[in-house]
Amino acid sequence: MLALAEYEAGICEGCGHPLEETLTTEAEDWKALPPVRCAVCTLMAMQHDEYADVKSKNPRPTPHMQALRWRAVRKPRRR
C-alpha cells in the first residue's frame, strides 16, 4: 500500500504522466494526441443524461445523483 501511495503521489492528476517528467520539461517536448472516445463511457453518459431528463420532469428529483454508479456489461456475442 505504501508503494502504491508513493507511486500515485508522483503522478499528475490532470494528465496521468509522471510528475518527474512533466515538471522538468518544456511544453514543446510533448505532443497532444487527438481524443479517443470510449464506447462504455459514452453509453454511461447517454444513460445519465436520459435518466436525469426523465427525473427532471418528475416533481421529486432523485437526491444525490452524484452517488449513482453506472455500470455496463458486454452483450453476448452473436454466433
PDB file of N, CA and C in Angstrom:
ATOM      1  N   MET A   1       0.812  -1.189   0.000  1.00  0.00           N
ATOM      2  CA  MET A   1       0.000   0.000   0.000  1.00  0.00           C
ATOM      3  C   MET A   1       0.864   1.267   0.000  1.00  0.00           C
ATOM      4  N   LEU A   2       1.962   1.218   0.710  1.00  0.00           N
ATOM      5  CA  LEU A   2       2.839   2.382   0.742  1.00  0.00           C
ATOM      6  C   LEU A   2       3.450   2.651  -0.623  1.00  0.00           C
ATOM      7  N   ALA A   3       3.808   1.580  -1.327  1.00  0.00           N
ATOM      8  CA  ALA A   3       4.380   1.751  -2.666  1.00  0.00           C
ATOM      9  C   ALA A   3       3.356   2.359  -3.613  1.00  0.00           C
ATOM     10  N   LEU A   4       2.101   1.933  -3.517  1.00  0.00           N
ATOM     11  CA  LEU A   4       1.048   2.491  -4.362  1.00  0.00           C
ATOM     12  C   LEU A   4       0.832   3.963  -4.040  1.00  0.00           C
ATOM     13  N   ALA A   5       0.796   4.301  -2.772  1.00  0.00           N
ATOM     14  CA  ALA A   5       0.616   5.699  -2.376  1.00  0.00           C
ATOM     15  C   ALA A   5       1.760   6.564  -2.889  1.00  0.00           C
ATOM     16  N   GLU A   6       2.982   6.044  -2.816  1.00  0.00           N
ATOM     17  CA  GLU A   6       4.135   6.793  -3.306  1.00  0.00           C
ATOM     18  C   GLU A   6       4.069   6.969  -4.820  1.00  0.00           C
ATOM     19  N   TYR A   7       3.671   5.910  -5.524  1.00  0.00           N
ATOM     20  CA  TYR A   7       3.526   5.984  -6.976  1.00  0.00           C
ATOM     21  C   TYR A   7       2.474   7.030  -7.352  1.00  0.00           C
ATOM     22  N   GLU A   8       1.296   6.948  -6.725  1.00  0.00           N
ATOM     23  CA  GLU A   8       0.210   7.871  -7.047  1.00  0.00           C
ATOM     24  C   GLU A   8       0.573   9.318  -6.733  1.00  0.00           C
ATOM     25  N   ALA A   9       1.382   9.543  -5.711  1.00  0.00           N
ATOM     26  CA  ALA A   9       1.807  10.902  -5.366  1.00  0.00           C
ATOM     27  C   ALA A   9       2.703  11.496  -6.442  1.00  0.00           C
ATOM     28  N   GLY A  10       3.343  10.654  -7.244  1.00  0.00           N
ATOM     29  CA  GLY A  10       4.228  11.126  -8.291  1.00  0.00           C
ATOM     30  C   GLY A  10       3.574  11.232  -9.656  1.00  0.00           C
ATOM     31  N   ILE A  11       2.248  11.074  -9.713  1.00  0.00           N
ATOM     32  CA  ILE A  11       1.511  11.125 -10.977  1.00  0.00           C
ATOM     33  C   ILE A  11       0.676  12.402 -11.034  1.00  0.00           C
ATOM     34  N   CYS A  12       0.698  13.074 -12.173  1.00  0.00           N
ATOM     35  CA  CYS A  12      -0.130  14.267 -12.372  1.00  0.00           C
ATOM     36  C   CYS A  12      -1.595  13.858 -12.400  1.00  0.00           C
ATOM     37  N   GLU A  13      -2.412  14.522 -11.601  1.00  0.00           N
ATOM     38  CA  GLU A  13      -3.840  14.212 -11.566  1.00  0.00           C
ATOM     39  C   GLU A  13      -4.546  14.623 -12.852  1.00  0.00           C
ATOM     40  N   GLY A  14      -3.982  15.561 -13.574  1.00  0.00           N
ATOM     41  CA  GLY A  14      -4.613  16.040 -14.798  1.00  0.00           C
ATOM     42  C   GLY A  14      -4.382  15.145 -15.995  1.00  0.00           C
ATOM     43  N   CYS A  15      -3.104  14.769 -16.235  1.00  0.00           N
ATOM     44  CA  CYS A  15      -2.791  14.018 -17.453  1.00  0.00           C
ATOM     45  C   CYS A  15      -2.364  12.582 -17.195  1.00  0.00           C
ATOM     46  N   GLY A  16      -2.016  12.255 -15.945  1.00  0.00           N
ATOM     47  CA  GLY A  16      -1.638  10.892 -15.629  1.00  0.00           C
ATOM     48  C   GLY A  16      -0.190  10.540 -15.907  1.00  0.00           C
ATOM     49  N   HIS A  17       0.598  11.513 -16.310  1.00  0.00           N
ATOM     50  CA  HIS A  17       2.018  11.267 -16.571  1.00  0.00           C
ATOM     51  C   HIS A  17       2.833  11.497 -15.301  1.00  0.00           C
ATOM     52  N   PRO A  18       4.025  10.886 -15.231  1.00  0.00           N
ATOM     53  CA  PRO A  18       4.880  11.081 -14.057  1.00  0.00           C
ATOM     54  C   PRO A  18       5.288  12.549 -13.904  1.00  0.00           C
ATOM     55  N   LEU A  19       5.128  13.074 -12.699  1.00  0.00           N
ATOM     56  CA  LEU A  19       5.484  14.470 -12.436  1.00  0.00           C
ATOM     57  C   LEU A  19       6.960  14.731 -12.669  1.00  0.00           C
ATOM     58  N   GLU A  20       7.814  13.752 -12.430  1.00  0.00           N
ATOM     59  CA  GLU A  20       9.248  13.980 -12.628  1.00  0.00           C
ATOM     60  C   GLU A  20       9.574  14.270 -14.086  1.00  0.00           C
ATOM     61  N   GLU A  21       8.720  13.820 -15.008  1.00  0.00           N
ATOM     62  CA  GLU A  21       8.916  14.121 -16.427  1.00  0.00           C
ATOM     63  C   GLU A  21       8.215  15.412 -16.827  1.00  0.00           C
ATOM     64  N   THR A  22       7.005  15.617 -16.330  1.00  0.00           N
ATOM     65  CA  THR A  22       6.208  16.751 -16.800  1.00  0.00           C
ATOM     66  C   THR A  22       6.575  18.072 -16.155  1.00  0.00           C
ATOM     67  N   LEU A  23       7.156  18.047 -14.970  1.00  0.00           N
ATOM     68  CA  LEU A  23       7.509  19.289 -14.301  1.00  0.00           C
ATOM     69  C   LEU A  23       8.886  19.804 -14.704  1.00  0.00           C
ATOM     70  N   THR A  24       9.697  18.951 -15.296  1.00  0.00           N
ATOM     71  CA  THR A  24      11.064  19.359 -15.613  1.00  0.00           C
ATOM     72  C   THR A  24      11.298  19.575 -17.098  1.00  0.00           C
ATOM     73  N   THR A  25      10.283  19.431 -17.922  1.00  0.00           N
ATOM     74  CA  THR A  25      10.452  19.619 -19.362  1.00  0.00           C
ATOM     75  C   THR A  25       9.564  20.754 -19.859  1.00  0.00           C
ATOM     76  N   GLU A  26       9.881  21.228 -21.017  1.00  0.00           N
ATOM     77  CA  GLU A  26       9.095  22.292 -21.628  1.00  0.00           C
ATOM     78  C   GLU A  26       7.904  21.702 -22.382  1.00  0.00           C
ATOM     79  N   ALA A  27       6.890  22.514 -22.602  1.00  0.00           N
ATOM     80  CA  ALA A  27       5.703  22.056 -23.320  1.00  0.00           C
ATOM     81  C   ALA A  27       6.041  21.598 -24.736  1.00  0.00           C
ATOM     82  N   GLU A  28       7.118  22.157 -25.303  1.00  0.00           N
ATOM     83  CA  GLU A  28       7.492  21.787 -26.670  1.00  0.00           C
ATOM     84  C   GLU A  28       7.973  20.333 -26.753  1.00  0.00           C
ATOM     85  N   ASP A  29       8.296  19.745 -25.607  1.00  0.00           N
ATOM     86  CA  ASP A  29       8.747  18.351 -25.592  1.00  0.00           C
ATOM     87  C   ASP A  29       7.600  17.362 -25.706  1.00  0.00           C
ATOM     88  N   TRP A  30       6.381  17.853 -25.682  1.00  0.00           N
ATOM     89  CA  TRP A  30       5.211  16.980 -25.712  1.00  0.00           C
ATOM     90  C   TRP A  30       4.356  17.272 -26.935  1.00  0.00           C
ATOM     91  N   LYS A  31       3.621  16.286 -27.372  1.00  0.00           N
ATOM     92  CA  LYS A  31       2.676  16.441 -28.482  1.00  0.00           C
ATOM     93  C   LYS A  31       1.326  15.927 -28.001  1.00  0.00           C
ATOM     94  N   ALA A  32       0.306  16.765 -28.111  1.00  0.00           N
ATOM     95  CA  ALA A  32      -1.042  16.361 -27.716  1.00  0.00           C
ATOM     96  C   ALA A  32      -1.648  15.492 -28.818  1.00  0.00           C
ATOM     97  N   LEU A  33      -2.221  14.390 -28.429  1.00  0.00           N
ATOM     98  CA  LEU A  33      -2.866  13.492 -29.379  1.00  0.00           C
ATOM     99  C   LEU A  33      -4.347  13.813 -29.451  1.00  0.00           C
ATOM    100  N   PRO A  34      -4.992  13.476 -30.566  1.00  0.00           N
ATOM    101  CA  PRO A  34      -6.432  13.730 -30.652  1.00  0.00           C
ATOM    102  C   PRO A  34      -7.174  12.838 -29.655  1.00  0.00           C
ATOM    103  N   PRO A  35      -8.336  13.272 -29.225  1.00  0.00           N
ATOM    104  CA  PRO A  35      -9.076  12.475 -28.248  1.00  0.00           C
ATOM    105  C   PRO A  35      -9.595  11.181 -28.860  1.00  0.00           C
ATOM    106  N   VAL A  36      -9.827  10.219 -28.010  1.00  0.00           N
ATOM    107  CA  VAL A  36     -10.479   8.973 -28.407  1.00  0.00           C
ATOM    108  C   VAL A  36     -11.758   8.869 -27.596  1.00  0.00           C
ATOM    109  N   ARG A  37     -12.706   8.177 -28.126  1.00  0.00           N
ATOM    110  CA  ARG A  37     -13.987   8.032 -27.437  1.00  0.00           C
ATOM    111  C   ARG A  37     -14.136   6.609 -26.933  1.00  0.00           C
ATOM    112  N   CYS A  38     -14.370   6.488 -25.652  1.00  0.00           N
ATOM    113  CA  CYS A  38     -14.622   5.190 -25.039  1.00  0.00           C
ATOM    114  C   CYS A  38     -16.111   4.867 -25.213  1.00  0.00           C
ATOM    115  N   ALA A  39     -16.415   3.732 -25.804  1.00  0.00           N
ATOM    116  CA  ALA A  39     -17.811   3.348 -26.050  1.00  0.00           C
ATOM    117  C   ALA A  39     -18.588   3.194 -24.747  1.00  0.00           C
ATOM    118  N   VAL A  40     -17.950   2.643 -23.731  1.00  0.00           N
ATOM    119  CA  VAL A  40     -18.640   2.443 -22.457  1.00  0.00           C
ATOM    120  C   VAL A  40     -18.894   3.779 -21.765  1.00  0.00           C
ATOM    121  N   CYS A  41     -17.908   4.669 -21.760  1.00  0.00           N
ATOM    122  CA  CYS A  41     -18.115   5.991 -21.154  1.00  0.00           C
ATOM    123  C   CYS A  41     -19.211   6.754 -21.895  1.00  0.00           C
ATOM    124  N   THR A  42     -19.263   6.619 -23.212  1.00  0.00           N
ATOM    125  CA  THR A  42     -20.312   7.275 -23.995  1.00  0.00           C
ATOM    126  C   THR A  42     -21.675   6.729 -23.611  1.00  0.00           C
ATOM    127  N   LEU A  43     -21.783   5.413 -23.506  1.00  0.00           N
ATOM    128  CA  LEU A  43     -23.044   4.784 -23.114  1.00  0.00           C
ATOM    129  C   LEU A  43     -23.474   5.257 -21.733  1.00  0.00           C
ATOM    130  N   MET A  44     -22.525   5.308 -20.795  1.00  0.00           N
ATOM    131  CA  MET A  44     -22.842   5.744 -19.441  1.00  0.00           C
ATOM    132  C   MET A  44     -23.300   7.202 -19.435  1.00  0.00           C
ATOM    133  N   ALA A  45     -22.660   8.050 -20.223  1.00  0.00           N
ATOM    134  CA  ALA A  45     -23.058   9.461 -20.299  1.00  0.00           C
ATOM    135  C   ALA A  45     -24.462   9.593 -20.882  1.00  0.00           C
ATOM    136  N   MET A  46     -24.753   8.788 -21.898  1.00  0.00           N
ATOM    137  CA  MET A  46     -26.090   8.817 -22.510  1.00  0.00           C
ATOM    138  C   MET A  46     -27.150   8.356 -21.507  1.00  0.00           C
ATOM    139  N   GLN A  47     -26.844   7.295 -20.753  1.00  0.00           N
ATOM    140  CA  GLN A  47     -27.772   6.792 -19.746  1.00  0.00           C
ATOM    141  C   GLN A  47     -27.998   7.843 -18.668  1.00  0.00           C
ATOM    142  N   HIS A  48     -26.910   8.494 -18.242  1.00  0.00           N
ATOM    143  CA  HIS A  48     -27.021   9.520 -17.210  1.00  0.00           C
ATOM    144  C   HIS A  48     -27.895  10.670 -17.691  1.00  0.00           C
ATOM    145  N   ASP A  49     -27.649  11.138 -18.926  1.00  0.00           N
ATOM    146  CA  ASP A  49     -28.439  12.235 -19.481  1.00  0.00           C
ATOM    147  C   ASP A  49     -29.911  11.858 -19.570  1.00  0.00           C
ATOM    148  N   GLU A  50     -30.179  10.638 -20.040  1.00  0.00           N
ATOM    149  CA  GLU A  50     -31.565  10.175 -20.190  1.00  0.00           C
ATOM    150  C   GLU A  50     -32.238  10.085 -18.817  1.00  0.00           C
ATOM    151  N   TYR A  51     -31.555   9.523 -17.849  1.00  0.00           N
ATOM    152  CA  TYR A  51     -32.096   9.381 -16.511  1.00  0.00           C
ATOM    153  C   TYR A  51     -32.362  10.736 -15.890  1.00  0.00           C
ATOM    154  N   ALA A  52     -31.421  11.653 -16.023  1.00  0.00           N
ATOM    155  CA  ALA A  52     -31.578  12.994 -15.461  1.00  0.00           C
ATOM    156  C   ALA A  52     -32.735  13.717 -16.127  1.00  0.00           C
ATOM    157  N   ASP A  53     -32.919  13.520 -17.444  1.00  0.00           N
ATOM    158  CA  ASP A  53     -34.013  14.173 -18.166  1.00  0.00           C
ATOM    159  C   ASP A  53     -35.354  13.639 -17.690  1.00  0.00           C
ATOM    160  N   VAL A  54     -35.447  12.319 -17.515  1.00  0.00           N
ATOM    161  CA  VAL A  54     -36.695  11.719 -17.024  1.00  0.00           C
ATOM    162  C   VAL A  54     -36.988  12.244 -15.629  1.00  0.00           C
ATOM    163  N   LYS A  55     -35.960  12.307 -14.793  1.00  0.00           N
ATOM    164  CA  LYS A  55     -36.157  12.760 -13.422  1.00  0.00           C
ATOM    165  C   LYS A  55     -36.477  14.256 -13.357  1.00  0.00           C
ATOM    166  N   SER A  56     -36.001  15.032 -14.345  1.00  0.00           N
ATOM    167  CA  SER A  56     -36.266  16.470 -14.309  1.00  0.00           C
ATOM    168  C   SER A  56     -37.747  16.757 -14.508  1.00  0.00           C
ATOM    169  N   LYS A  57     -38.459  15.839 -15.158  1.00  0.00           N
ATOM    170  CA  LYS A  57     -39.900  16.009 -15.365  1.00  0.00           C
ATOM    171  C   LYS A  57     -40.688  15.529 -14.152  1.00  0.00           C
ATOM    172  N   ASN A  58     -40.004  14.847 -13.256  1.00  0.00           N
ATOM    173  CA  ASN A  58     -40.617  14.351 -12.038  1.00  0.00           C
ATOM    174  C   ASN A  58     -40.546  15.462 -10.989  1.00  0.00           C
ATOM    175  N   PRO A  59     -41.642  15.763 -10.318  1.00  0.00           N
ATOM    176  CA  PRO A  59     -41.592  16.826  -9.318  1.00  0.00           C
ATOM    177  C   PRO A  59     -40.685  16.499  -8.138  1.00  0.00           C
ATOM    178  N   ARG A  60     -40.346  15.230  -7.953  1.00  0.00           N
ATOM    179  CA  ARG A  60     -39.448  14.830  -6.869  1.00  0.00           C
ATOM    180  C   ARG A  60     -38.195  14.208  -7.474  1.00  0.00           C
ATOM    181  N   PRO A  61     -37.201  15.040  -7.805  1.00  0.00           N
ATOM    182  CA  PRO A  61     -35.990  14.503  -8.436  1.00  0.00           C
ATOM    183  C   PRO A  61     -35.220  13.577  -7.502  1.00  0.00           C
ATOM    184  N   THR A  62     -34.412  12.725  -8.094  1.00  0.00           N
ATOM    185  CA  THR A  62     -33.598  11.800  -7.318  1.00  0.00           C
ATOM    186  C   THR A  62     -32.545  12.584  -6.547  1.00  0.00           C
ATOM    187  N   PRO A  63     -32.502  12.435  -5.233  1.00  0.00           N
ATOM    188  CA  PRO A  63     -31.470  13.133  -4.480  1.00  0.00           C
ATOM    189  C   PRO A  63     -30.117  12.459  -4.655  1.00  0.00           C
ATOM    190  N   HIS A  64     -29.069  13.239  -4.549  1.00  0.00           N
ATOM    191  CA  HIS A  64     -27.699  12.730  -4.579  1.00  0.00           C
ATOM    192  C   HIS A  64     -27.386  11.956  -5.864  1.00  0.00           C
ATOM    193  N   MET A  65     -27.698  12.545  -7.000  1.00  0.00           N
ATOM    194  CA  MET A  65     -27.429  11.892  -8.293  1.00  0.00           C
ATOM    195  C   MET A  65     -25.954  11.520  -8.429  1.00  0.00           C
ATOM    196  N   GLN A  66     -25.060  12.301  -7.824  1.00  0.00           N
ATOM    197  CA  GLN A  66     -23.632  12.025  -7.945  1.00  0.00           C
ATOM    198  C   GLN A  66     -23.253  10.711  -7.275  1.00  0.00           C
ATOM    199  N   ALA A  67     -24.119  10.177  -6.431  1.00  0.00           N
ATOM    200  CA  ALA A  67     -23.826   8.916  -5.750  1.00  0.00           C
ATOM    201  C   ALA A  67     -24.213   7.704  -6.587  1.00  0.00           C
ATOM    202  N   LEU A  68     -24.934   7.909  -7.659  1.00  0.00           N
ATOM    203  CA  LEU A  68     -25.317   6.780  -8.511  1.00  0.00           C
ATOM    204  C   LEU A  68     -24.095   6.262  -9.261  1.00  0.00           C
ATOM    205  N   ARG A  69     -23.970   4.985  -9.391  1.00  0.00           N
ATOM    206  CA  ARG A  69     -22.872   4.355 -10.127  1.00  0.00           C
ATOM    207  C   ARG A  69     -23.452   3.664 -11.336  1.00  0.00           C
ATOM    208  N   TRP A  70     -22.960   4.035 -12.479  1.00  0.00           N
ATOM    209  CA  TRP A  70     -23.456   3.493 -13.736  1.00  0.00           C
ATOM    210  C   TRP A  70     -22.553   2.348 -14.160  1.00  0.00           C
ATOM    211  N   ARG A  71     -23.146   1.264 -14.614  1.00  0.00           N
ATOM    212  CA  ARG A  71     -22.375   0.084 -14.994  1.00  0.00           C
ATOM    213  C   ARG A  71     -22.742  -0.347 -16.408  1.00  0.00           C
ATOM    214  N   ALA A  72     -21.880  -1.110 -16.993  1.00  0.00           N
ATOM    215  CA  ALA A  72     -22.132  -1.665 -18.323  1.00  0.00           C
ATOM    216  C   ALA A  72     -21.557  -3.072 -18.365  1.00  0.00           C
ATOM    217  N   VAL A  73     -22.212  -3.922 -19.116  1.00  0.00           N
ATOM    218  CA  VAL A  73     -21.709  -5.274 -19.346  1.00  0.00           C
ATOM    219  C   VAL A  73     -21.696  -5.504 -20.847  1.00  0.00           C
ATOM    220  N   ARG A  74     -20.785  -6.339 -21.281  1.00  0.00           N
ATOM    221  CA  ARG A  74     -20.688  -6.649 -22.708  1.00  0.00           C
ATOM    222  C   ARG A  74     -21.854  -7.547 -23.109  1.00  0.00           C
ATOM    223  N   LYS A  75     -22.490  -7.222 -24.236  1.00  0.00           N
ATOM    224  CA  LYS A  75     -23.564  -8.066 -24.755  1.00  0.00           C
ATOM    225  C   LYS A  75     -22.974  -9.398 -25.227  1.00  0.00           C
ATOM    226  N   PRO A  76     -23.750 -10.475 -25.132  1.00  0.00           N
ATOM    227  CA  PRO A  76     -23.249 -11.755 -25.638  1.00  0.00           C
ATOM    228  C   PRO A  76     -22.971 -11.654 -27.138  1.00  0.00           C
ATOM    229  N   ARG A  77     -21.900 -12.289 -27.559  1.00  0.00           N
ATOM    230  CA  ARG A  77     -21.556 -12.271 -28.990  1.00  0.00           C
ATOM    231  C   ARG A  77     -22.527 -13.138 -29.772  1.00  0.00           C
ATOM    232  N   ARG A  78     -22.888 -12.643 -30.934  1.00  0.00           N
ATOM    233  CA  ARG A  78     -23.751 -13.430 -31.828  1.00  0.00           C
ATOM    234  C   ARG A  78     -22.923 -14.486 -32.516  1.00  0.00           C
ATOM    235  N   ARG A  79     -23.486 -15.626 -32.699  1.00  0.00           N
ATOM    236  CA  ARG A  79     -22.752 -16.718 -33.390  1.00  0.00           C
ATOM    237  C   ARG A  79     -23.223 -16.909 -34.785  1.00  0.00           C
TER     238      ARG A  79
END
